[in-house]
Amino acid sequence: LGVGTAGLFLHGLFVAPAIRASGAITLPDVIRKLVGPLAEKWAALIIA
């Protein structure tokens, strides 16, 4: 959990505002907007 504390701080400070402004609703949706649909499928498969 200690590494989780560090990771969550980093998410809040440096990741959350950027992805919230993207208009996406899932993690692979962010990838689709930044990379493309094939990358979205790859991420979706791994996460599923």
All heavy atoms as atom14 arrays in JSON, in Angstrom:
{
  "sequence": "LGVGTAGLFLHGLFVAPAIRASGAITLPDVIRKLVGPLAEKWAALIIA",
  "atom14_mask": [
    [1, 1, 1, 1, 1, 1, 1, 1, 0, 0, 0, 0, 0, 0],
    [1, 1, 1, 1, 0, 0, 0, 0, 0, 0, 0, 0, 0, 0],
    [1, 1, 1, 1, 1, 1, 1, 0, 0, 0, 0, 0, 0, 0],
    [1, 1, 1, 1, 0, 0, 0, 0, 0, 0, 0, 0, 0, 0],
    [1, 1, 1, 1, 1, 1, 1, 0, 0, 0, 0, 0, 0, 0],
    [1, 1, 1, 1, 1, 0, 0, 0, 0, 0, 0, 0, 0, 0],
    [1, 1, 1, 1, 0, 0, 0, 0, 0, 0, 0, 0, 0, 0],
    [1, 1, 1, 1, 1, 1, 1, 1, 0, 0, 0, 0, 0, 0],
    [1, 1, 1, 1, 1, 1, 1, 1, 1, 1, 1, 0, 0, 0],
    [1, 1, 1, 1, 1, 1, 1, 1, 0, 0, 0, 0, 0, 0],
    [1, 1, 1, 1, 1, 1, 1, 1, 1, 1, 0, 0, 0, 0],
    [1, 1, 1, 1, 0, 0, 0, 0, 0, 0, 0, 0, 0, 0],
    [1, 1, 1, 1, 1, 1, 1, 1, 0, 0, 0, 0, 0, 0],
    [1, 1, 1, 1, 1, 1, 1, 1, 1, 1, 1, 0, 0, 0],
    [1, 1, 1, 1, 1, 1, 1, 0, 0, 0, 0, 0, 0, 0],
    [1, 1, 1, 1, 1, 0, 0, 0, 0, 0, 0, 0, 0, 0],
    [1, 1, 1, 1, 1, 1, 1, 0, 0, 0, 0, 0, 0, 0],
    [1, 1, 1, 1, 1, 0, 0, 0, 0, 0, 0, 0, 0, 0],
    [1, 1, 1, 1, 1, 1, 1, 1, 0, 0, 0, 0, 0, 0],
    [1, 1, 1, 1, 1, 1, 1, 1, 1, 1, 1, 0, 0, 0],
    [1, 1, 1, 1, 1, 0, 0, 0, 0, 0, 0, 0, 0, 0],
    [1, 1, 1, 1, 1, 1, 0, 0, 0, 0, 0, 0, 0, 0],
    [1, 1, 1, 1, 0, 0, 0, 0, 0, 0, 0, 0, 0, 0],
    [1, 1, 1, 1, 1, 0, 0, 0, 0, 0, 0, 0, 0, 0],
    [1, 1, 1, 1, 1, 1, 1, 1, 0, 0, 0, 0, 0, 0],
    [1, 1, 1, 1, 1, 1, 1, 0, 0, 0, 0, 0, 0, 0],
    [1, 1, 1, 1, 1, 1, 1, 1, 0, 0, 0, 0, 0, 0],
    [1, 1, 1, 1, 1, 1, 1, 0, 0, 0, 0, 0, 0, 0],
    [1, 1, 1, 1, 1, 1, 1, 1, 0, 0, 0, 0, 0, 0],
    [1, 1, 1, 1, 1, 1, 1, 0, 0, 0, 0, 0, 0, 0],
    [1, 1, 1, 1, 1, 1, 1, 1, 0, 0, 0, 0, 0, 0],
    [1, 1, 1, 1, 1, 1, 1, 1, 1, 1, 1, 0, 0, 0],
    [1, 1, 1, 1, 1, 1, 1, 1, 1, 0, 0, 0, 0, 0],
    [1, 1, 1, 1, 1, 1, 1, 1, 0, 0, 0, 0, 0, 0],
    [1, 1, 1, 1, 1, 1, 1, 0, 0, 0, 0, 0, 0, 0],
    [1, 1, 1, 1, 0, 0, 0, 0, 0, 0, 0, 0, 0, 0],
    [1, 1, 1, 1, 1, 1, 1, 0, 0, 0, 0, 0, 0, 0],
    [1, 1, 1, 1, 1, 1, 1, 1, 0, 0, 0, 0, 0, 0],
    [1, 1, 1, 1, 1, 0, 0, 0, 0, 0, 0, 0, 0, 0],
    [1, 1, 1, 1, 1, 1, 1, 1, 1, 0, 0, 0, 0, 0],
    [1, 1, 1, 1, 1, 1, 1, 1, 1, 0, 0, 0, 0, 0],
    [1, 1, 1, 1, 1, 1, 1, 1, 1, 1, 1, 1, 1, 1],
    [1, 1, 1, 1, 1, 0, 0, 0, 0, 0, 0, 0, 0, 0],
    [1, 1, 1, 1, 1, 0, 0, 0, 0, 0, 0, 0, 0, 0],
    [1, 1, 1, 1, 1, 1, 1, 1, 0, 0, 0, 0, 0, 0],
    [1, 1, 1, 1, 1, 1, 1, 1, 0, 0, 0, 0, 0, 0],
    [1, 1, 1, 1, 1, 1, 1, 1, 0, 0, 0, 0, 0, 0],
    [1, 1, 1, 1, 1, 0, 0, 0, 0, 0, 0, 0, 0, 0]
  ],
  "atom14_positions": [
    [[0.83, -1.22, 0.0], [0.0, 0.0, 0.0], [0.85, 1.26, 0.0], [0.41, 2.32, -0.45], [-0.94, 0.01, 1.21], [-2.21, -0.81, 1.07], [-3.01, -0.8, 2.37], [-3.08, -0.31, -0.08], [0.0, 0.0, 0.0], [0.0, 0.0, 0.0], [0.0, 0.0, 0.0], [0.0, 0.0, 0.0], [0.0, 0.0, 0.0], [0.0, 0.0, 0.0]],
    [[2.08, 1.16, 0.51], [2.96, 2.33, 0.5], [3.24, 2.81, -0.91], [3.2, 4.02, -1.18], [0.0, 0.0, 0.0], [0.0, 0.0, 0.0], [0.0, 0.0, 0.0], [0.0, 0.0, 0.0], [0.0, 0.0, 0.0], [0.0, 0.0, 0.0], [0.0, 0.0, 0.0], [0.0, 0.0, 0.0], [0.0, 0.0, 0.0], [0.0, 0.0, 0.0]],
    [[3.5, 1.88, -1.83], [3.74, 2.3, -3.22], [2.43, 2.81, -3.84], [2.45, 3.65, -4.74], [4.33, 1.15, -4.07], [5.67, 0.71, -3.52], [3.36, -0.03, -4.19], [0.0, 0.0, 0.0], [0.0, 0.0, 0.0], [0.0, 0.0, 0.0], [0.0, 0.0, 0.0], [0.0, 0.0, 0.0], [0.0, 0.0, 0.0], [0.0, 0.0, 0.0]],
    [[1.3, 2.31, -3.33], [0.01, 2.81, -3.8], [-0.2, 4.26, -3.43], [-0.77, 5.04, -4.21], [0.0, 0.0, 0.0], [0.0, 0.0, 0.0], [0.0, 0.0, 0.0], [0.0, 0.0, 0.0], [0.0, 0.0, 0.0], [0.0, 0.0, 0.0], [0.0, 0.0, 0.0], [0.0, 0.0, 0.0], [0.0, 0.0, 0.0], [0.0, 0.0, 0.0]],
    [[0.24, 4.65, -2.24], [0.15, 6.04, -1.81], [0.9, 6.94, -2.78], [0.39, 7.98, -3.24], [0.71, 6.22, -0.39], [-0.1, 5.47, 0.52], [0.71, 7.67, 0.03], [0.0, 0.0, 0.0], [0.0, 0.0, 0.0], [0.0, 0.0, 0.0], [0.0, 0.0, 0.0], [0.0, 0.0, 0.0], [0.0, 0.0, 0.0], [0.0, 0.0, 0.0]],
    [[2.14, 6.55, -3.1], [2.95, 7.34, -4.03], [2.31, 7.4, -5.41], [2.22, 8.46, -6.03], [4.36, 6.75, -4.12], [0.0, 0.0, 0.0], [0.0, 0.0, 0.0], [0.0, 0.0, 0.0], [0.0, 0.0, 0.0], [0.0, 0.0, 0.0], [0.0, 0.0, 0.0], [0.0, 0.0, 0.0], [0.0, 0.0, 0.0], [0.0, 0.0, 0.0]],
    [[1.85, 6.24, -5.89], [1.24, 6.19, -7.21], [-0.03, 7.01, -7.31], [-0.27, 7.69, -8.31], [0.0, 0.0, 0.0], [0.0, 0.0, 0.0], [0.0, 0.0, 0.0], [0.0, 0.0, 0.0], [0.0, 0.0, 0.0], [0.0, 0.0, 0.0], [0.0, 0.0, 0.0], [0.0, 0.0, 0.0], [0.0, 0.0, 0.0], [0.0, 0.0, 0.0]],
    [[-0.85, 6.98, -6.27], [-2.11, 7.73, -6.31], [-1.86, 9.23, -6.25], [-2.57, 10.01, -6.89], [-3.02, 7.29, -5.15], [-4.48, 7.73, -5.24], [-5.12, 7.28, -6.54], [-5.27, 7.19, -4.06], [0.0, 0.0, 0.0], [0.0, 0.0, 0.0], [0.0, 0.0, 0.0], [0.0, 0.0, 0.0], [0.0, 0.0, 0.0], [0.0, 0.0, 0.0]],
    [[-0.85, 9.65, -5.48], [-0.47, 11.06, -5.49], [-0.07, 11.5, -6.9], [-0.5, 12.56, -7.38], [0.7, 11.31, -4.53], [0.28, 11.78, -3.17], [0.7, 11.12, -2.03], [-0.51, 12.92, -3.01], [0.32, 11.55, -0.77], [-0.9, 13.36, -1.75], [-0.48, 12.67, -0.63], [0.0, 0.0, 0.0], [0.0, 0.0, 0.0], [0.0, 0.0, 0.0]],
    [[0.74, 10.68, -7.57], [1.16, 11.02, -8.93], [-0.03, 11.08, -9.88], [-0.1, 11.94, -10.75], [2.19, 10.0, -9.42], [3.56, 10.04, -8.73], [4.43, 8.89, -9.23], [4.25, 11.37, -8.98], [0.0, 0.0, 0.0], [0.0, 0.0, 0.0], [0.0, 0.0, 0.0], [0.0, 0.0, 0.0], [0.0, 0.0, 0.0], [0.0, 0.0, 0.0]],
    [[-0.96, 10.14, -9.71], [-2.16, 10.16, -10.55], [-2.92, 11.47, -10.35], [-3.33, 12.12, -11.32], [-3.06, 8.98, -10.2], [-4.38, 9.01, -10.95], [-4.52, 8.52, -12.22], [-5.59, 9.5, -10.58], [-5.76, 8.7, -12.62], [-6.44, 9.28, -11.65], [0.0, 0.0, 0.0], [0.0, 0.0, 0.0], [0.0, 0.0, 0.0], [0.0, 0.0, 0.0]],
    [[-3.13, 11.86, -9.09], [-3.88, 13.07, -8.81], [-3.19, 14.33, -9.31], [-3.84, 15.22, -9.87], [0.0, 0.0, 0.0], [0.0, 0.0, 0.0], [0.0, 0.0, 0.0], [0.0, 0.0, 0.0], [0.0, 0.0, 0.0], [0.0, 0.0, 0.0], [0.0, 0.0, 0.0], [0.0, 0.0, 0.0], [0.0, 0.0, 0.0], [0.0, 0.0, 0.0]],
    [[-1.89, 14.4, -9.13], [-1.16, 15.62, -9.47], [-0.92, 15.77, -10.97], [-1.05, 16.88, -11.52], [0.19, 15.64, -8.74], [0.13, 15.8, -7.21], [1.52, 15.67, -6.61], [-0.49, 17.15, -6.83], [0.0, 0.0, 0.0], [0.0, 0.0, 0.0], [0.0, 0.0, 0.0], [0.0, 0.0, 0.0], [0.0, 0.0, 0.0], [0.0, 0.0, 0.0]],
    [[-0.61, 14.65, -11.65], [-0.11, 14.77, -13.02], [-0.92, 14.06, -14.09], [-0.71, 14.31, -15.28], [1.34, 14.25, -13.08], [2.28, 14.97, -12.17], [2.8, 14.35, -11.04], [2.64, 16.29, -12.43], [3.67, 15.02, -10.2], [3.51, 16.97, -11.6], [4.02, 16.34, -10.48], [0.0, 0.0, 0.0], [0.0, 0.0, 0.0], [0.0, 0.0, 0.0]],
    [[-1.83, 13.16, -13.69], [-2.57, 12.4, -14.7], [-4.05, 12.78, -14.72], [-4.63, 12.98, -15.79], [-2.41, 10.88, -14.46], [-3.26, 10.08, -15.44], [-0.95, 10.48, -14.6], [0.0, 0.0, 0.0], [0.0, 0.0, 0.0], [0.0, 0.0, 0.0], [0.0, 0.0, 0.0], [0.0, 0.0, 0.0], [0.0, 0.0, 0.0], [0.0, 0.0, 0.0]],
    [[-4.67, 12.87, -13.55], [-6.12, 13.09, -13.47], [-6.6, 14.31, -14.25], [-7.54, 14.2, -15.04], [-6.56, 13.18, -12.01], [0.0, 0.0, 0.0], [0.0, 0.0, 0.0], [0.0, 0.0, 0.0], [0.0, 0.0, 0.0], [0.0, 0.0, 0.0], [0.0, 0.0, 0.0], [0.0, 0.0, 0.0], [0.0, 0.0, 0.0], [0.0, 0.0, 0.0]],
    [[-5.99, 15.5, -14.08], [-6.49, 16.66, -14.83], [-6.38, 16.48, -16.34], [-7.26, 16.91, -17.09], [-5.59, 17.81, -14.34], [-5.09, 17.36, -13.01], [-4.91, 15.87, -13.14], [0.0, 0.0, 0.0], [0.0, 0.0, 0.0], [0.0, 0.0, 0.0], [0.0, 0.0, 0.0], [0.0, 0.0, 0.0], [0.0, 0.0, 0.0], [0.0, 0.0, 0.0]],
    [[-5.3, 15.83, -16.79], [-5.09, 15.66, -18.23], [-6.14, 14.74, -18.83], [-6.73, 15.05, -19.89], [-3.69, 15.11, -18.5], [0.0, 0.0, 0.0], [0.0, 0.0, 0.0], [0.0, 0.0, 0.0], [0.0, 0.0, 0.0], [0.0, 0.0, 0.0], [0.0, 0.0, 0.0], [0.0, 0.0, 0.0], [0.0, 0.0, 0.0], [0.0, 0.0, 0.0]],
    [[-6.41, 13.6, -18.2], [-7.36, 12.66, -18.79], [-8.8, 13.13, -18.61], [-9.66, 12.83, -19.44], [-7.17, 11.24, -18.25], [-7.47, 11.17, -16.74], [-5.77, 10.74, -18.55], [-7.51, 9.76, -16.2], [0.0, 0.0, 0.0], [0.0, 0.0, 0.0], [0.0, 0.0, 0.0], [0.0, 0.0, 0.0], [0.0, 0.0, 0.0], [0.0, 0.0, 0.0]],
    [[-9.08, 13.88, -17.52], [-10.45, 14.38, -17.3], [-10.83, 15.36, -18.39], [-12.0, 15.44, -18.78], [-10.55, 15.03, -15.92], [-11.98, 15.49, -15.56], [-12.9, 14.28, -15.47], [-14.25, 14.66, -15.12], [-15.16, 15.08, -15.99], [-14.85, 15.16, -17.28], [-16.38, 15.4, -15.6], [0.0, 0.0, 0.0], [0.0, 0.0, 0.0], [0.0, 0.0, 0.0]],
    [[-9.85, 16.09, -18.9], [-10.12, 17.08, -19.95], [-10.24, 16.46, -21.33], [-10.63, 17.12, -22.29], [-9.02, 18.13, -19.96], [0.0, 0.0, 0.0], [0.0, 0.0, 0.0], [0.0, 0.0, 0.0], [0.0, 0.0, 0.0], [0.0, 0.0, 0.0], [0.0, 0.0, 0.0], [0.0, 0.0, 0.0], [0.0, 0.0, 0.0], [0.0, 0.0, 0.0]],
    [[-9.94, 15.16, -21.45], [-9.92, 14.5, -22.76], [-11.32, 14.18, -23.28], [-11.5, 13.94, -24.48], [-9.1, 13.21, -22.69], [-9.78, 12.23, -21.93], [0.0, 0.0, 0.0], [0.0, 0.0, 0.0], [0.0, 0.0, 0.0], [0.0, 0.0, 0.0], [0.0, 0.0, 0.0], [0.0, 0.0, 0.0], [0.0, 0.0, 0.0], [0.0, 0.0, 0.0]],
    [[-12.31, 14.11, -22.39], [-13.65, 13.73, -22.8], [-13.85, 12.24, -22.91], [-14.93, 11.78, -23.32], [0.0, 0.0, 0.0], [0.0, 0.0, 0.0], [0.0, 0.0, 0.0], [0.0, 0.0, 0.0], [0.0, 0.0, 0.0], [0.0, 0.0, 0.0], [0.0, 0.0, 0.0], [0.0, 0.0, 0.0], [0.0, 0.0, 0.0], [0.0, 0.0, 0.0]],
    [[-12.85, 11.45, -22.55], [-12.95, 9.99, -22.61], [-13.76, 9.47, -21.43], [-13.97, 10.17, -20.44], [-11.56, 9.37, -22.61], [0.0, 0.0, 0.0], [0.0, 0.0, 0.0], [0.0, 0.0, 0.0], [0.0, 0.0, 0.0], [0.0, 0.0, 0.0], [0.0, 0.0, 0.0], [0.0, 0.0, 0.0], [0.0, 0.0, 0.0], [0.0, 0.0, 0.0]],
    [[-14.19, 8.2, -21.52], [-14.95, 7.61, -20.41], [-14.34, 6.29, -19.94], [-14.8, 5.73, -18.95], [-16.43, 7.4, -20.77], [-16.58, 6.42, -21.94], [-17.1, 8.73, -21.07], [-18.04, 6.06, -22.23], [0.0, 0.0, 0.0], [0.0, 0.0, 0.0], [0.0, 0.0, 0.0], [0.0, 0.0, 0.0], [0.0, 0.0, 0.0], [0.0, 0.0, 0.0]],
    [[-13.33, 5.79, -20.65], [-12.6, 4.59, -20.21], [-11.12, 4.79, -20.51], [-10.75, 5.67, -21.3], [-13.08, 3.31, -20.93], [-12.76, 3.42, -22.32], [-14.57, 3.09, -20.75], [0.0, 0.0, 0.0], [0.0, 0.0, 0.0], [0.0, 0.0, 0.0], [0.0, 0.0, 0.0], [0.0, 0.0, 0.0], [0.0, 0.0, 0.0], [0.0, 0.0, 0.0]],
    [[-10.29, 3.94, -19.93], [-8.85, 4.04, -20.21], [-8.54, 3.77, -21.68], [-7.8, 4.54, -22.3], [-8.09, 3.07, -19.29], [-6.56, 3.13, -19.31], [-6.0, 2.67, -17.96], [-5.98, 2.26, -20.42], [0.0, 0.0, 0.0], [0.0, 0.0, 0.0], [0.0, 0.0, 0.0], [0.0, 0.0, 0.0], [0.0, 0.0, 0.0], [0.0, 0.0, 0.0]],
    [[-9.06, 2.7, -22.29], [-8.79, 2.51, -23.72], [-9.35, 3.64, -24.59], [-8.81, 3.9, -25.68], [-9.48, 1.17, -24.04], [-9.53, 0.45, -22.74], [-9.76, 1.53, -21.72], [0.0, 0.0, 0.0], [0.0, 0.0, 0.0], [0.0, 0.0, 0.0], [0.0, 0.0, 0.0], [0.0, 0.0, 0.0], [0.0, 0.0, 0.0], [0.0, 0.0, 0.0]],
    [[-10.4, 4.3, -24.13], [-10.95, 5.44, -24.87], [-9.94, 6.57, -24.93], [-9.82, 7.27, -25.95], [-12.24, 5.91, -24.19], [-13.06, 6.85, -25.07], [-12.87, 6.83, -26.3], [-13.89, 7.59, -24.51], [0.0, 0.0, 0.0], [0.0, 0.0, 0.0], [0.0, 0.0, 0.0], [0.0, 0.0, 0.0], [0.0, 0.0, 0.0], [0.0, 0.0, 0.0]],
    [[-9.18, 6.77, -23.87], [-8.09, 7.76, -23.88], [-7.06, 7.37, -24.94], [-6.58, 8.21, -25.71], [-7.41, 7.84, -22.49], [-6.18, 8.76, -22.55], [-8.38, 8.35, -21.44], [0.0, 0.0, 0.0], [0.0, 0.0, 0.0], [0.0, 0.0, 0.0], [0.0, 0.0, 0.0], [0.0, 0.0, 0.0], [0.0, 0.0, 0.0], [0.0, 0.0, 0.0]],
    [[-6.7, 6.08, -24.98], [-5.72, 5.61, -25.95], [-6.22, 5.8, -27.38], [-5.46, 6.19, -28.28], [-5.38, 4.13, -25.68], [-4.66, 4.01, -24.33], [-4.53, 3.54, -26.79], [-4.34, 2.59, -23.91], [0.0, 0.0, 0.0], [0.0, 0.0, 0.0], [0.0, 0.0, 0.0], [0.0, 0.0, 0.0], [0.0, 0.0, 0.0], [0.0, 0.0, 0.0]],
    [[-7.5, 5.57, -27.59], [-8.07, 5.79, -28.94], [-7.9, 7.23, -29.38], [-7.54, 7.5, -30.54], [-9.55, 5.41, -28.95], [-10.25, 5.64, -30.3], [-11.73, 5.33, -30.22], [-12.41, 6.2, -29.27], [-12.8, 7.44, -29.53], [-12.58, 7.97, -30.73], [-13.43, 8.15, -28.61], [0.0, 0.0, 0.0], [0.0, 0.0, 0.0], [0.0, 0.0, 0.0]],
    [[-8.14, 8.16, -28.49], [-8.04, 9.57, -28.82], [-6.61, 9.99, -29.1], [-6.36, 10.91, -29.89], [-8.62, 10.42, -27.7], [-10.13, 10.29, -27.53], [-10.62, 11.07, -26.31], [-12.14, 10.95, -26.15], [-12.88, 11.66, -27.21], [0.0, 0.0, 0.0], [0.0, 0.0, 0.0], [0.0, 0.0, 0.0], [0.0, 0.0, 0.0], [0.0, 0.0, 0.0]],
    [[-5.64, 9.34, -28.46], [-4.24, 9.76, -28.59], [-3.44, 8.93, -29.58], [-2.44, 9.4, -30.12], [-3.55, 9.7, -27.22], [-4.14, 10.6, -26.14], [-3.41, 10.38, -24.82], [-4.08, 12.06, -26.55], [0.0, 0.0, 0.0], [0.0, 0.0, 0.0], [0.0, 0.0, 0.0], [0.0, 0.0, 0.0], [0.0, 0.0, 0.0], [0.0, 0.0, 0.0]],
    [[-3.88, 7.68, -29.82], [-3.11, 6.78, -30.68], [-3.94, 6.28, -31.85], [-3.51, 6.33, -33.0], [-2.54, 5.58, -29.88], [-1.65, 4.73, -30.8], [-1.76, 6.06, -28.67], [0.0, 0.0, 0.0], [0.0, 0.0, 0.0], [0.0, 0.0, 0.0], [0.0, 0.0, 0.0], [0.0, 0.0, 0.0], [0.0, 0.0, 0.0], [0.0, 0.0, 0.0]],
    [[-5.14, 5.75, -31.57], [-5.97, 5.24, -32.65], [-6.76, 4.02, -32.23], [-6.58, 3.48, -31.14], [0.0, 0.0, 0.0], [0.0, 0.0, 0.0], [0.0, 0.0, 0.0], [0.0, 0.0, 0.0], [0.0, 0.0, 0.0], [0.0, 0.0, 0.0], [0.0, 0.0, 0.0], [0.0, 0.0, 0.0], [0.0, 0.0, 0.0], [0.0, 0.0, 0.0]],
    [[-7.64, 3.54, -33.12], [-8.56, 2.45, -32.76], [-7.88, 1.1, -32.54], [-8.34, 0.31, -31.71], [-9.52, 2.4, -33.95], [-8.8, 3.06, -35.08], [-7.95, 4.1, -34.45], [0.0, 0.0, 0.0], [0.0, 0.0, 0.0], [0.0, 0.0, 0.0], [0.0, 0.0, 0.0], [0.0, 0.0, 0.0], [0.0, 0.0, 0.0], [0.0, 0.0, 0.0]],
    [[-6.82, 0.78, -33.28], [-6.16, -0.5, -33.07], [-5.52, -0.56, -31.68], [-5.57, -1.59, -31.0], [-5.08, -0.72, -34.14], [-5.59, -1.14, -35.53], [-4.43, -1.29, -36.49], [-6.41, -2.42, -35.45], [0.0, 0.0, 0.0], [0.0, 0.0, 0.0], [0.0, 0.0, 0.0], [0.0, 0.0, 0.0], [0.0, 0.0, 0.0], [0.0, 0.0, 0.0]],
    [[-4.91, 0.54, -31.26], [-4.32, 0.6, -29.92], [-5.4, 0.47, -28.86], [-5.19, -0.15, -27.81], [-3.55, 1.91, -29.75], [0.0, 0.0, 0.0], [0.0, 0.0, 0.0], [0.0, 0.0, 0.0], [0.0, 0.0, 0.0], [0.0, 0.0, 0.0], [0.0, 0.0, 0.0], [0.0, 0.0, 0.0], [0.0, 0.0, 0.0], [0.0, 0.0, 0.0]],
    [[-6.57, 1.06, -29.12], [-7.69, 0.94, -28.19], [-8.1, -0.52, -28.02], [-8.33, -0.99, -26.89], [-8.88, 1.75, -28.73], [-10.15, 1.6, -27.88], [-11.38, 2.15, -28.58], [-11.37, 2.23, -29.83], [-12.36, 2.48, -27.89], [0.0, 0.0, 0.0], [0.0, 0.0, 0.0], [0.0, 0.0, 0.0], [0.0, 0.0, 0.0], [0.0, 0.0, 0.0]],
    [[-8.17, -1.26, -29.12], [-8.56, -2.68, -29.05], [-7.53, -3.48, -28.25], [-7.89, -4.37, -27.47], [-8.68, -3.27, -30.46], [-9.7, -2.59, -31.35], [-11.12, -2.78, -30.84], [-12.12, -2.18, -31.83], [-13.49, -2.18, -31.28], [0.0, 0.0, 0.0], [0.0, 0.0, 0.0], [0.0, 0.0, 0.0], [0.0, 0.0, 0.0], [0.0, 0.0, 0.0]],
    [[-6.26, -3.2, -28.47], [-5.21, -3.9, -27.76], [-5.35, -3.69, -26.25], [-5.32, -4.64, -25.47], [-3.84, -3.43, -28.24], [-2.71, -3.82, -27.33], [-2.04, -3.02, -26.46], [-2.13, -5.13, -27.2], [-1.07, -3.73, -25.79], [-1.11, -5.02, -26.22], [-2.36, -6.36, -27.79], [-0.33, -6.1, -25.84], [-1.58, -7.44, -27.41], [-0.58, -7.32, -26.45]],
    [[-5.49, -2.43, -25.86], [-5.61, -2.12, -24.44], [-6.87, -2.76, -23.85], [-6.85, -3.29, -22.73], [-5.64, -0.61, -24.23], [0.0, 0.0, 0.0], [0.0, 0.0, 0.0], [0.0, 0.0, 0.0], [0.0, 0.0, 0.0], [0.0, 0.0, 0.0], [0.0, 0.0, 0.0], [0.0, 0.0, 0.0], [0.0, 0.0, 0.0], [0.0, 0.0, 0.0]],
    [[-7.96, -2.72, -24.6], [-9.21, -3.3, -24.11], [-9.09, -4.8, -23.91], [-9.59, -5.34, -22.92], [-10.34, -2.99, -25.1], [0.0, 0.0, 0.0], [0.0, 0.0, 0.0], [0.0, 0.0, 0.0], [0.0, 0.0, 0.0], [0.0, 0.0, 0.0], [0.0, 0.0, 0.0], [0.0, 0.0, 0.0], [0.0, 0.0, 0.0], [0.0, 0.0, 0.0]],
    [[-8.39, -5.48, -24.81], [-8.22, -6.92, -24.69], [-7.4, -7.28, -23.45], [-7.77, -8.16, -22.67], [-7.52, -7.47, -25.93], [-7.21, -8.98, -25.92], [-8.49, -9.78, -25.83], [-6.41, -9.36, -27.16], [0.0, 0.0, 0.0], [0.0, 0.0, 0.0], [0.0, 0.0, 0.0], [0.0, 0.0, 0.0], [0.0, 0.0, 0.0], [0.0, 0.0, 0.0]],
    [[-6.3, -6.57, -23.23], [-5.45, -6.84, -22.07], [-6.21, -6.57, -20.77], [-6.16, -7.36, -19.82], [-4.17, -5.99, -22.12], [-3.2, -6.57, -23.14], [-3.5, -5.93, -20.75], [-1.84, -5.95, -23.14], [0.0, 0.0, 0.0], [0.0, 0.0, 0.0], [0.0, 0.0, 0.0], [0.0, 0.0, 0.0], [0.0, 0.0, 0.0], [0.0, 0.0, 0.0]],
    [[-6.93, -5.46, -20.71], [-7.64, -5.11, -19.49], [-8.77, -6.1, -19.22], [-9.0, -6.5, -18.07], [-8.17, -3.66, -19.56], [-6.99, -2.69, -19.57], [-9.08, -3.36, -18.37], [-7.38, -1.26, -19.87], [0.0, 0.0, 0.0], [0.0, 0.0, 0.0], [0.0, 0.0, 0.0], [0.0, 0.0, 0.0], [0.0, 0.0, 0.0], [0.0, 0.0, 0.0]],
    [[-9.48, -6.48, -20.27], [-10.58, -7.43, -20.08], [-10.07, -8.73, -19.46], [-10.69, -9.27, -18.53], [-11.25, -7.72, -21.42], [0.0, 0.0, 0.0], [0.0, 0.0, 0.0], [0.0, 0.0, 0.0], [0.0, 0.0, 0.0], [0.0, 0.0, 0.0], [0.0, 0.0, 0.0], [0.0, 0.0, 0.0], [0.0, 0.0, 0.0], [0.0, 0.0, 0.0]]
  ]
}
